[in-house]
Amino acid sequence: MCSKVPFISNAIMKATGCSSFNLLVNNGAAAGQVIYHTHMHIIPRKAFDCLWASESLLRRPLNLNDEKVSQLADRIQKQLLPSEICQDTKNQSFCSSKS
């Protein structure tokens, strides 16, 4: 799982226009784990984004509607797909603006 972090985090940073990220694992209920399987959170960050005021790990979810979430997922997916997949016409919706 850790070997994929650079690949996935780079895609997320490109899709969000960020240059940094937090890598977070909540392991156990006392640590805030609510989904009980191993997974990592890659949280894109920008300078002075105030995501966590005082970095206290208080949860402040972004207020995104379904359309914005879908657009963000599409931008990340475009970064993850190999360029040769974009040659396949079945995947044009994911590849039309790959940079």
Protein backbone atom coordinates (compact mmCIF):
# COMPACT_ATOMS: atom_id res chain seq x y z
CA MET A 1 0.00 0.00 0.00
CA CYS A 2 2.78 2.47 0.89
CA SER A 3 4.50 1.87 -2.43
CA LYS A 4 1.48 3.45 -4.19
CA VAL A 5 1.47 6.65 -2.10
CA PRO A 6 3.88 8.62 -4.36
CA PHE A 7 1.89 7.73 -7.51
CA ILE A 8 -1.51 8.50 -6.02
CA SER A 9 -0.41 11.58 -4.06
CA ASN A 10 1.18 13.11 -7.17
CA ALA A 11 -2.08 12.59 -9.07
CA ILE A 12 -4.08 14.19 -6.27
CA MET A 13 -1.69 17.15 -6.01
CA LYS A 14 -1.80 17.77 -9.77
CA ALA A 15 -5.60 17.49 -9.85
CA THR A 16 -6.04 19.90 -6.93
CA GLY A 17 -3.21 22.32 -7.71
CA CYS A 18 -1.52 21.61 -4.37
CA SER A 19 2.18 21.16 -3.73
CA SER A 20 1.97 19.34 -0.39
CA PHE A 21 -0.10 16.70 1.37
CA ASN A 22 -0.72 15.05 4.72
CA LEU A 23 -0.67 11.27 4.89
CA LEU A 24 -2.97 10.08 7.66
CA VAL A 25 -3.81 6.66 9.10
CA ASN A 26 -6.35 6.38 11.91
CA ASN A 27 -5.70 3.03 13.59
CA GLY A 28 -8.21 2.13 16.32
CA ALA A 29 -11.26 3.84 17.75
CA ALA A 30 -9.24 6.08 20.08
CA ALA A 31 -7.36 7.39 17.03
CA GLY A 32 -10.58 8.24 15.22
CA GLN A 33 -10.89 5.15 13.04
CA VAL A 34 -14.49 4.66 11.91
CA ILE A 35 -13.92 2.39 8.91
CA TYR A 36 -12.32 -0.78 10.24
CA HIS A 37 -9.95 -1.81 7.51
CA THR A 38 -6.50 -0.49 6.79
CA HIS A 39 -6.53 2.58 4.58
CA MET A 40 -4.70 5.87 4.22
CA HIS A 41 -5.95 9.39 3.76
CA ILE A 42 -4.01 11.59 1.35
CA ILE A 43 -5.02 15.14 2.16
CA PRO A 44 -3.87 17.78 -0.37
CA ARG A 45 -2.62 20.97 1.27
CA LYS A 46 -1.86 24.55 0.30
CA ALA A 47 0.05 27.10 2.37
CA PHE A 48 -2.22 28.85 4.87
CA ASP A 49 -5.23 26.68 3.94
CA CYS A 50 -6.32 26.56 7.61
CA LEU A 51 -7.65 23.05 7.09
CA TRP A 52 -6.81 22.29 10.69
CA ALA A 53 -6.59 25.49 12.68
CA SER A 54 -3.64 24.90 15.00
CA GLU A 55 -3.19 21.49 13.31
CA SER A 56 -5.24 19.89 16.10
CA LEU A 57 -6.75 17.32 13.71
CA LEU A 58 -10.25 18.67 14.23
CA ARG A 59 -12.45 17.44 11.43
CA ARG A 60 -13.81 20.18 9.21
CA PRO A 61 -15.12 18.50 6.06
CA LEU A 62 -15.14 20.47 2.86
CA ASN A 63 -18.56 21.65 1.75
CA LEU A 64 -18.69 20.14 -1.75
CA ASN A 65 -21.83 19.24 -3.65
CA ASP A 66 -22.07 16.01 -5.66
CA GLU A 67 -21.13 17.77 -8.91
CA LYS A 68 -17.92 19.22 -7.44
CA VAL A 69 -16.99 15.86 -5.91
CA SER A 70 -17.55 14.17 -9.28
CA GLN A 71 -15.43 16.78 -11.09
CA LEU A 72 -12.60 16.36 -8.57
CA ALA A 73 -12.76 12.57 -8.88
CA ASP A 74 -12.57 12.89 -12.68
CA ARG A 75 -9.51 15.17 -12.46
CA ILE A 76 -7.75 12.73 -10.13
CA GLN A 77 -8.67 9.76 -12.33
CA LYS A 78 -7.25 11.52 -15.39
CA GLN A 79 -3.93 11.82 -13.58
CA LEU A 80 -3.98 8.14 -12.60
CA LEU A 81 -4.81 6.69 -16.01
CA PRO A 82 -1.85 5.77 -18.21
CA SER A 83 -1.79 7.84 -21.39
CA GLU A 84 -2.21 4.74 -23.57
CA ILE A 85 -5.64 4.10 -22.02
CA CYS A 86 -6.65 7.54 -23.29
CA GLN A 87 -6.20 6.27 -26.84
CA ASP A 88 -9.09 3.84 -26.26
CA THR A 89 -12.35 5.51 -27.37
CA LYS A 90 -14.27 3.82 -24.54
CA ASN A 91 -12.35 5.97 -22.07
CA GLN A 92 -12.59 9.34 -23.81
CA SER A 93 -14.73 10.83 -21.04
CA PHE A 94 -11.84 10.30 -18.62
CA CYS A 95 -9.09 11.41 -20.98
CA SER A 96 -10.37 14.35 -22.96
CA SER A 97 -8.34 16.92 -21.03
CA LYS A 98 -5.47 14.87 -19.60
CA SER A 99 -2.38 17.02 -19.20
